[in-house]
Amino acid sequence: MEILRNEFNELEISLDLNKGVWLVLGRLTYPKGKTYLEKSNILSAVRDMWEYHLSEKLQSMDIIDKYGDILWFIQPCLDTNDDLDGRFSKYLEGSLELVQQESIHLLELPIIFTVSSHSCQWNRITEKYEQLRQLQQFKVGRNIPMIIWDTHNEQNQKSPADKTTQKYRMESMVANLDSNKIEEFFIHLQTFITSEIATDDVHQLMEAYYAIALSLYSYINRLELNTHIFNYDKLLRIDDHRSIMDGFHFLKDTTEKILHIHKIRERDKASCIIENICKYIEDHLNEDLSLVKLAEIHFFNPSYLSYFFKQEYGMNLSEYIEKCRILKAKELLENRKLKIRDVGVAVGYASAHSFTRFFKKVTGMTPKEYRGNLIRK
């Protein structure tokens, strides 16, 4: 404290180290596109408003924290005759409302104030500041002027049953990621944001955020998505978000990006398998090429294979097999040394009659007539 006292004297800070100090954390929501100089001018204007409305009965100093917010340290003036102890909160709140109104009217700038409800000793201001910042992140949703007091006793704590339900949901979400069920995870996350986010239990909400964020971070590393997800390390820096709501929406946006990449990868993987199936068909035209058989060989669900094949090629699997067999049959019929029955066997028809019927249905002529045309040409 002696060192601090000497520094206060050297810096000409008039605040009294022997008395408690109140903290006010102000968040300025600058209009988009403002330059550094324009923001500096706005900041100076806000400081002037503060001095105009509060300097008569309060002593204060301010600093800009690493997040760009203003932190004021305030004490009642030493020479004031008013007893502010009993009605300090009302006086401070009224003055802050005047600053907010003037800021909106003159600068079109919303200001959110987060205020300590009691004074604290100088050796505890770091702890108090962290409480205010956490509360600010937790309460701020939209850019609406508001005054937030750190009255912890007014928070509505979750019941044990609610906490158990939330824990179960969190475990289910983590399990979905572990088993690569990213779509199910995304659905649960959306439900969580629309329901659980309404809680007033900041500690439960922080725990939930980090549980989800850590799971996503691990998932991104495990699947080597690092180069595809920009700024994903922000998952583990909740202070980088302007509010807890913004943090949860960042989790949602990150999950959407992962889901998009996941779908592309799955599609590429399935496309590769479809190509392998086509190659297999071309090399095994004389064998059983039923949908069930092809699905079994390539570890596909038959219904999905049929659906996906048509999506990729624009035709049914059976039509593709028929097309391959006709092309191969025409190629073999050019060799007059091969008997028509042997050509039929080579493309999967053990019966010459079945092959002839199939060939005529597709080409409009029998294999013999097709070969005769080739000879005449």
Protein backbone atom coordinates (compact mmCIF):
# COMPACT_ATOMS: atom_id res chain seq x y z
CA MET A 1 0.00 0.00 0.00
CA GLU A 2 2.91 2.34 0.68
CA ILE A 3 4.24 1.78 -2.83
CA LEU A 4 0.77 2.39 -4.24
CA ARG A 5 0.44 5.57 -2.18
CA ASN A 6 3.72 6.91 -3.58
CA GLU A 7 2.61 6.11 -7.13
CA PHE A 8 -0.74 7.86 -6.56
CA ASN A 9 1.12 10.95 -5.39
CA GLU A 10 3.52 10.88 -8.32
CA LEU A 11 0.68 10.43 -10.81
CA GLU A 12 -1.43 13.06 -9.01
CA ILE A 13 -4.32 10.67 -8.47
CA SER A 14 -6.64 12.24 -5.91
CA LEU A 15 -8.44 9.06 -4.83
CA ASP A 16 -8.03 8.07 -1.17
CA LEU A 17 -6.30 4.73 -0.55
CA ASN A 18 -7.67 4.66 2.99
CA LYS A 19 -11.25 4.49 1.77
CA GLY A 20 -13.14 1.97 -0.28
CA VAL A 21 -13.65 2.44 -3.99
CA TRP A 22 -16.59 1.68 -6.29
CA LEU A 23 -16.00 0.29 -9.77
CA VAL A 24 -18.04 1.05 -12.89
CA LEU A 25 -17.31 -0.87 -16.10
CA GLY A 26 -18.59 0.85 -19.23
CA ARG A 27 -19.01 -0.85 -22.59
CA LEU A 28 -19.20 1.39 -25.64
CA THR A 29 -20.75 -0.10 -28.76
CA TYR A 30 -19.08 1.88 -31.53
CA PRO A 31 -20.90 2.18 -34.87
CA LYS A 32 -19.40 -0.04 -37.57
CA GLY A 33 -16.72 1.41 -39.78
CA LYS A 34 -15.37 3.94 -37.29
CA THR A 35 -11.65 4.64 -37.52
CA TYR A 36 -9.29 4.64 -34.55
CA LEU A 37 -9.27 8.45 -34.49
CA GLU A 38 -13.08 8.61 -34.62
CA LYS A 39 -13.32 6.11 -31.76
CA SER A 40 -10.82 8.16 -29.74
CA ASN A 41 -12.95 11.28 -30.23
CA ILE A 42 -16.08 9.37 -29.14
CA LEU A 43 -14.24 8.12 -26.07
CA SER A 44 -13.20 11.67 -25.16
CA ALA A 45 -16.79 12.83 -25.56
CA VAL A 46 -18.03 10.09 -23.20
CA ARG A 47 -15.41 11.07 -20.62
CA ASP A 48 -16.59 14.69 -20.86
CA MET A 49 -20.18 13.58 -20.27
CA TRP A 50 -19.07 11.60 -17.23
CA GLU A 51 -17.24 14.60 -15.79
CA TYR A 52 -20.17 16.90 -16.41
CA HIS A 53 -22.74 14.69 -14.67
CA LEU A 54 -20.69 13.11 -11.87
CA SER A 55 -17.71 15.30 -10.97
CA GLU A 56 -19.71 17.54 -8.62
CA LYS A 57 -20.17 14.85 -5.96
CA LEU A 58 -17.69 12.18 -7.03
CA GLN A 59 -13.99 11.85 -7.57
CA SER A 60 -13.03 9.41 -10.28
CA MET A 61 -10.34 8.20 -12.59
CA ASP A 62 -10.62 5.81 -15.50
CA ILE A 63 -8.56 3.41 -17.54
CA ILE A 64 -9.20 1.49 -20.74
CA ASP A 65 -8.95 -2.26 -20.20
CA LYS A 66 -7.53 -4.71 -22.72
CA TYR A 67 -11.00 -5.31 -24.18
CA GLY A 68 -11.56 -1.64 -24.99
CA ASP A 69 -14.03 -1.04 -22.14
CA ILE A 70 -13.74 1.90 -19.72
CA LEU A 71 -13.22 1.12 -16.06
CA TRP A 72 -13.97 3.96 -13.62
CA PHE A 73 -12.76 4.05 -10.00
CA ILE A 74 -15.02 6.34 -7.96
CA GLN A 75 -15.30 7.77 -4.45
CA PRO A 76 -17.56 10.46 -2.92
CA CYS A 77 -15.89 13.88 -2.88
CA LEU A 78 -14.05 14.55 0.35
CA ASP A 79 -15.50 18.04 0.70
CA THR A 80 -19.12 17.18 0.01
CA ASN A 81 -21.62 17.83 2.77
CA ASP A 82 -24.02 15.22 1.47
CA ASP A 83 -24.26 11.85 3.09
CA LEU A 84 -24.02 9.54 0.08
CA ASP A 85 -23.69 6.31 2.02
CA GLY A 86 -27.42 5.66 2.33
CA ARG A 87 -28.46 6.72 -1.15
CA PHE A 88 -25.30 6.28 -3.17
CA SER A 89 -26.71 3.62 -5.49
CA LYS A 90 -29.73 5.77 -6.42
CA TYR A 91 -27.58 8.82 -7.06
CA LEU A 92 -25.07 6.87 -9.14
CA GLU A 93 -27.76 5.11 -11.16
CA GLY A 94 -29.51 8.39 -11.95
CA SER A 95 -26.28 10.01 -13.07
CA LEU A 96 -25.33 7.04 -15.26
CA GLU A 97 -28.76 7.16 -16.91
CA LEU A 98 -28.13 10.80 -17.81
CA VAL A 99 -24.82 9.86 -19.40
CA GLN A 100 -26.54 7.08 -21.37
CA GLN A 101 -29.29 9.39 -22.60
CA GLU A 102 -26.85 12.08 -23.67
CA SER A 103 -24.63 9.54 -25.41
CA ILE A 104 -27.57 8.22 -27.42
CA HIS A 105 -28.82 11.70 -28.25
CA LEU A 106 -25.49 13.28 -29.24
CA LEU A 107 -23.35 10.33 -30.36
CA GLU A 108 -25.93 7.63 -31.21
CA LEU A 109 -23.78 5.45 -28.99
CA PRO A 110 -25.31 2.86 -26.60
CA ILE A 111 -23.40 2.50 -23.32
CA ILE A 112 -23.80 -0.43 -20.95
CA PHE A 113 -22.67 0.15 -17.35
CA THR A 114 -21.84 -2.69 -14.95
CA VAL A 115 -21.56 -1.36 -11.40
CA SER A 116 -20.32 -2.70 -8.07
CA SER A 117 -23.11 -2.46 -5.50
CA HIS A 118 -20.63 -1.95 -2.64
CA SER A 119 -17.25 -0.38 -2.25
CA CYS A 120 -14.20 -2.62 -2.04
CA GLN A 121 -10.69 -2.23 -0.67
CA TRP A 122 -7.92 -1.37 -3.10
CA ASN A 123 -6.19 -4.72 -2.65
CA ARG A 124 -9.36 -6.46 -3.96
CA ILE A 125 -10.11 -4.37 -7.03
CA THR A 126 -8.75 -7.04 -9.39
CA GLU A 127 -11.19 -9.56 -7.98
CA LYS A 128 -14.07 -7.06 -8.17
CA TYR A 129 -13.17 -6.11 -11.75
CA GLU A 130 -13.23 -9.76 -12.82
CA GLN A 131 -16.67 -10.15 -11.22
CA LEU A 132 -18.00 -7.13 -13.08
CA ARG A 133 -16.57 -8.27 -16.38
CA GLN A 134 -17.98 -11.77 -15.98
CA LEU A 135 -21.38 -10.32 -15.07
CA GLN A 136 -21.22 -7.98 -18.06
CA GLN A 137 -20.54 -10.86 -20.43
CA PHE A 138 -23.29 -12.89 -18.87
CA LYS A 139 -25.99 -10.19 -18.96
CA VAL A 140 -25.24 -8.36 -22.21
CA GLY A 141 -27.18 -9.67 -25.18
CA ARG A 142 -28.16 -6.87 -27.50
CA ASN A 143 -26.66 -3.40 -27.78
CA ILE A 144 -29.26 -1.74 -25.54
CA PRO A 145 -28.28 0.84 -22.89
CA MET A 146 -28.58 -0.81 -19.50
CA ILE A 147 -27.18 -0.60 -15.97
CA ILE A 148 -26.18 -3.91 -14.39
CA TRP A 149 -25.56 -4.17 -10.64
CA ASP A 150 -23.51 -7.01 -9.17
CA THR A 151 -26.21 -8.03 -6.70
CA HIS A 152 -25.41 -11.77 -6.60
CA ASN A 153 -28.16 -12.48 -4.12
CA GLU A 154 -30.72 -11.70 -6.81
CA GLN A 155 -29.56 -14.47 -9.09
CA ASN A 156 -31.92 -17.38 -9.52
CA GLN A 157 -29.92 -20.51 -8.91
CA LYS A 158 -30.82 -23.73 -10.66
CA SER A 159 -32.43 -26.50 -8.68
CA PRO A 160 -30.49 -29.78 -8.26
CA ALA A 161 -32.92 -31.45 -10.70
CA ASP A 162 -32.28 -28.76 -13.34
CA LYS A 163 -28.52 -29.12 -12.89
CA THR A 164 -28.79 -32.88 -13.32
CA THR A 165 -30.77 -32.41 -16.54
CA GLN A 166 -28.22 -29.94 -17.88
CA LYS A 167 -25.35 -32.28 -16.98
CA TYR A 168 -27.08 -35.14 -18.79
CA ARG A 169 -27.53 -32.97 -21.87
CA MET A 170 -23.89 -31.94 -21.81
CA GLU A 171 -22.74 -35.56 -21.52
CA SER A 172 -25.01 -36.54 -24.43
CA MET A 173 -23.56 -33.76 -26.59
CA VAL A 174 -19.99 -34.77 -25.81
CA ALA A 175 -20.85 -38.40 -26.55
CA ASN A 176 -22.27 -37.37 -29.93
CA LEU A 177 -19.00 -35.69 -30.86
CA ASP A 178 -16.94 -38.64 -29.64
CA SER A 179 -18.94 -40.94 -31.92
CA ASN A 180 -18.75 -38.49 -34.85
CA LYS A 181 -22.50 -37.74 -34.75
CA ILE A 182 -22.03 -34.08 -35.57
CA GLU A 183 -25.61 -33.55 -36.79
CA GLU A 184 -27.07 -34.83 -33.51
CA PHE A 185 -24.62 -32.62 -31.62
CA PHE A 186 -25.74 -29.58 -33.61
CA ILE A 187 -29.41 -30.27 -32.87
CA HIS A 188 -28.70 -30.59 -29.12
CA LEU A 189 -26.63 -27.39 -29.18
CA GLN A 190 -29.47 -25.44 -30.79
CA THR A 191 -31.85 -26.74 -28.14
CA PHE A 192 -29.41 -25.78 -25.40
CA ILE A 193 -29.00 -22.22 -26.68
CA THR A 194 -32.76 -21.64 -26.87
CA SER A 195 -33.53 -23.12 -23.44
CA GLU A 196 -30.61 -23.40 -21.01
CA ILE A 197 -29.14 -20.00 -21.95
CA ALA A 198 -32.01 -18.38 -20.06
CA THR A 199 -30.53 -19.43 -16.71
CA ASP A 200 -29.23 -16.80 -14.30
CA ASP A 201 -26.57 -19.13 -12.90
CA VAL A 202 -23.42 -17.66 -14.43
CA HIS A 203 -21.17 -20.45 -13.11
CA GLN A 204 -23.32 -23.18 -14.62
CA LEU A 205 -23.39 -21.31 -17.90
CA MET A 206 -19.62 -20.85 -17.92
CA GLU A 207 -19.13 -24.54 -17.17
CA ALA A 208 -21.48 -25.44 -20.01
CA TYR A 209 -19.69 -23.12 -22.43
CA TYR A 210 -16.24 -24.55 -21.72
CA ALA A 211 -17.49 -28.15 -21.80
CA ILE A 212 -18.91 -27.61 -25.29
CA ALA A 213 -15.98 -25.51 -26.47
CA LEU A 214 -13.38 -28.03 -25.29
CA SER A 215 -15.26 -30.87 -27.00
CA LEU A 216 -15.37 -28.94 -30.27
CA TYR A 217 -11.70 -27.98 -29.96
CA SER A 218 -10.75 -31.61 -29.44
CA TYR A 219 -12.96 -32.72 -32.33
CA ILE A 220 -11.36 -30.20 -34.71
CA ASN A 221 -7.87 -31.40 -33.79
CA ARG A 222 -8.84 -35.07 -33.96
CA LEU A 223 -10.27 -34.76 -37.47
CA GLU A 224 -7.49 -32.38 -38.58
CA LEU A 225 -9.91 -29.58 -39.45
CA ASN A 226 -7.48 -26.93 -38.17
CA THR A 227 -6.84 -25.41 -41.59
CA HIS A 228 -10.54 -25.34 -42.45
CA ILE A 229 -11.89 -23.62 -39.31
CA PHE A 230 -10.62 -20.04 -39.08
CA ASN A 231 -9.84 -18.71 -35.59
CA TYR A 232 -11.02 -21.91 -33.89
CA ASP A 233 -8.68 -21.28 -30.94
CA LYS A 234 -11.16 -18.55 -29.96
CA LEU A 235 -13.28 -21.43 -28.62
CA LEU A 236 -11.17 -21.48 -25.47
CA ARG A 237 -11.10 -17.70 -25.00
CA ILE A 238 -14.50 -16.70 -23.71
CA ASP A 239 -13.24 -13.19 -22.98
CA ASP A 240 -12.88 -12.64 -26.73
CA HIS A 241 -16.68 -12.65 -27.01
CA ARG A 242 -18.56 -9.50 -26.13
CA SER A 243 -21.15 -11.51 -24.22
CA ILE A 244 -21.86 -15.08 -23.15
CA MET A 245 -24.64 -15.15 -25.74
CA ASP A 246 -22.13 -14.18 -28.45
CA GLY A 247 -19.91 -16.98 -27.15
CA PHE A 248 -22.63 -19.60 -27.54
CA HIS A 249 -23.46 -18.32 -31.01
CA PHE A 250 -19.78 -18.67 -31.89
CA LEU A 251 -20.02 -22.32 -30.78
CA LYS A 252 -23.06 -22.71 -33.03
CA ASP A 253 -21.33 -21.06 -36.02
CA THR A 254 -18.25 -23.23 -35.53
CA THR A 255 -20.41 -26.35 -35.41
CA GLU A 256 -22.16 -25.31 -38.64
CA LYS A 257 -18.76 -24.98 -40.35
CA ILE A 258 -17.73 -28.41 -39.08
CA LEU A 259 -21.02 -29.88 -40.25
CA HIS A 260 -20.52 -28.37 -43.71
CA ILE A 261 -17.02 -29.83 -43.99
CA HIS A 262 -18.27 -33.14 -42.61
CA LYS A 263 -20.95 -33.37 -45.32
CA ILE A 264 -18.44 -32.56 -48.06
CA ARG A 265 -16.03 -35.20 -46.77
CA GLU A 266 -18.78 -37.79 -46.48
CA ARG A 267 -19.93 -37.00 -50.00
CA ASP A 268 -16.38 -37.25 -51.35
CA LYS A 269 -15.93 -40.53 -49.50
CA ALA A 270 -19.22 -41.89 -50.85
CA SER A 271 -18.35 -40.68 -54.38
CA CYS A 272 -15.07 -42.59 -54.20
CA ILE A 273 -16.94 -45.70 -53.11
CA ILE A 274 -19.42 -45.26 -56.00
CA GLU A 275 -16.49 -45.08 -58.42
CA ASN A 276 -15.12 -48.30 -56.97
CA ILE A 277 -18.52 -49.94 -57.34
CA CYS A 278 -18.68 -48.89 -61.02
CA LYS A 279 -15.23 -50.35 -61.61
CA TYR A 280 -16.30 -53.55 -59.86
CA ILE A 281 -19.41 -53.79 -62.07
CA GLU A 282 -17.36 -53.37 -65.25
CA ASP A 283 -14.92 -56.09 -64.16
CA HIS A 284 -17.57 -58.58 -62.98
CA LEU A 285 -20.36 -58.39 -65.54
CA ASN A 286 -20.62 -62.20 -65.58
CA GLU A 287 -21.37 -62.38 -61.84
CA ASP A 288 -24.25 -61.58 -59.49
CA LEU A 289 -24.64 -57.80 -59.53
CA SER A 290 -27.78 -57.47 -57.47
CA LEU A 291 -28.22 -54.38 -55.28
CA VAL A 292 -27.97 -56.46 -52.11
CA LYS A 293 -24.77 -58.14 -53.29
CA LEU A 294 -23.07 -54.87 -54.29
CA ALA A 295 -24.08 -53.21 -51.02
CA GLU A 296 -22.75 -56.15 -49.02
CA ILE A 297 -19.39 -56.17 -50.80
CA HIS A 298 -18.87 -52.42 -50.32
CA PHE A 299 -20.37 -52.17 -46.81
CA PHE A 300 -23.27 -49.95 -47.87
CA ASN A 301 -26.88 -49.89 -46.86
CA PRO A 302 -28.78 -51.14 -49.99
CA SER A 303 -31.40 -48.36 -49.86
CA TYR A 304 -28.78 -45.65 -49.38
CA LEU A 305 -26.60 -47.11 -52.14
CA SER A 306 -29.53 -47.05 -54.55
CA TYR A 307 -30.42 -43.46 -53.59
CA PHE A 308 -26.87 -42.11 -53.63
CA PHE A 309 -25.98 -43.83 -56.91
CA LYS A 310 -28.87 -42.11 -58.64
CA GLN A 311 -27.82 -38.79 -57.10
CA GLU A 312 -24.31 -39.22 -58.48
CA TYR A 313 -25.04 -40.69 -61.93
CA GLY A 314 -28.60 -39.59 -62.69
CA MET A 315 -29.73 -43.16 -63.31
CA ASN A 316 -30.67 -46.21 -61.30
CA LEU A 317 -27.99 -48.74 -60.44
CA SER A 318 -29.84 -51.39 -62.46
CA GLU A 319 -29.84 -49.06 -65.50
CA TYR A 320 -26.08 -48.56 -65.16
CA ILE A 321 -25.46 -52.32 -64.97
CA GLU A 322 -27.69 -52.81 -68.04
CA LYS A 323 -25.77 -50.11 -69.91
CA CYS A 324 -22.41 -51.74 -69.07
CA ARG A 325 -23.64 -55.17 -70.15
CA ILE A 326 -24.93 -53.88 -73.47
CA LEU A 327 -21.68 -52.04 -74.23
CA LYS A 328 -19.65 -55.15 -73.36
CA ALA A 329 -21.96 -57.42 -75.35
CA LYS A 330 -21.65 -55.21 -78.46
CA GLU A 331 -17.88 -55.19 -78.06
CA LEU A 332 -17.74 -59.01 -77.81
CA LEU A 333 -20.16 -59.53 -80.73
CA GLU A 334 -17.63 -57.86 -82.99
CA ASN A 335 -15.45 -60.96 -82.47
CA ARG A 336 -17.11 -63.46 -84.87
CA LYS A 337 -15.16 -66.33 -83.33
CA LEU A 338 -17.20 -66.04 -80.11
CA LYS A 339 -20.52 -67.83 -80.01
CA ILE A 340 -23.52 -65.71 -79.04
CA ARG A 341 -24.14 -68.02 -76.09
CA ASP A 342 -20.58 -67.35 -74.84
CA VAL A 343 -21.11 -63.60 -75.20
CA GLY A 344 -24.26 -63.92 -73.09
CA VAL A 345 -22.40 -65.81 -70.36
CA ALA A 346 -19.64 -63.18 -70.37
CA VAL A 347 -22.16 -60.44 -69.53
CA GLY A 348 -24.06 -62.40 -66.89
CA TYR A 349 -26.68 -64.43 -68.82
CA ALA A 350 -26.24 -68.19 -68.47
CA SER A 351 -29.22 -68.79 -70.79
CA ALA A 352 -28.87 -67.84 -74.46
CA HIS A 353 -32.62 -67.19 -74.57
CA SER A 354 -32.44 -64.74 -71.64
CA PHE A 355 -29.52 -62.92 -73.23
CA THR A 356 -31.32 -62.62 -76.58
CA ARG A 357 -34.46 -61.28 -74.91
CA PHE A 358 -32.41 -58.74 -72.89
CA PHE A 359 -30.40 -57.61 -75.92
CA LYS A 360 -33.45 -57.14 -78.13
CA LYS A 361 -35.31 -55.21 -75.41
CA VAL A 362 -32.47 -52.70 -75.21
CA THR A 363 -31.31 -52.44 -78.85
CA GLY A 364 -34.43 -53.47 -80.80
CA MET A 365 -32.62 -56.37 -82.49
CA THR A 366 -31.33 -59.81 -81.54
CA PRO A 367 -27.59 -60.44 -81.03
CA LYS A 368 -27.55 -62.39 -84.30
CA GLU A 369 -29.15 -59.50 -86.19
CA TYR A 370 -26.73 -57.02 -84.61
CA ARG A 371 -23.72 -59.15 -85.65
CA GLY A 372 -25.17 -59.50 -89.17
CA ASN A 373 -25.36 -55.73 -89.48
CA LEU A 374 -21.74 -55.45 -88.44
CA ILE A 375 -20.70 -57.95 -91.11
CA ARG A 376 -22.63 -56.16 -93.83
CA LYS A 377 -21.06 -52.85 -92.86
